[in-house]
Each structure stands twice: as structure tokens, then as C-alpha cells.
Amino acid sequence: MNKYQEALKRFYQGLPKEYKALGVCECDYSLLKEIAEKETPKKPITDVHSKYCPKCRSLMIYDYEYESEFTRCSDCGQLLDWEAK
């Protein structure tokens, strides 16, 4: 669990039950969840010819001319983990 996921968990657990029942802060929670997911490194999808972003399936994660891996997807900003098994 990264620091963003931990903060999201503390945020949600710290909300009073009345707020959760009313859906108050639901928009903030959704936004924080999106940030936490984007900041959690994900393994790129690779096949014989291409490398794709695991979130948006974009090809904009690898520079084929210089043979270098991007740390983030150029389209959606997803953090990438090239060393994941």
C-alpha cells in the first residue's frame, strides 16, 4: 500500500458515519481514490510487438526510437512499474 492509498484509507475511516450515510465528501473520496490508483505503480502490458499502459491501453509508454521506458503513461499519467514480475 503506497502513501496515497494509506491517506485515502485514513480519510475514509475518519469520516463520521453520518457523512458516509449522506454521501458527503463522496466527490472528494472519488478524486482521492483516482489519485491513489494513478500513483500506484502498475506493470505495463507487453506483447511481442508493443507495450501498453495497463490503465488506458495507450502505446505512449515507450520511446521506440531511443529504446527507453517512460515512468508514466503520456496519455493518462499512470505510474508504471517496469520491474514488476
Foldseek 3Di string as FASTA:
>chain_A
DDPLVVVLVCVVVPDDPVCVVVCNCVVVSVVSVVVVQQAPADEWDDDDPATARPPPRDRQQADPVVGDGHQARPPPGRGHDPPDD
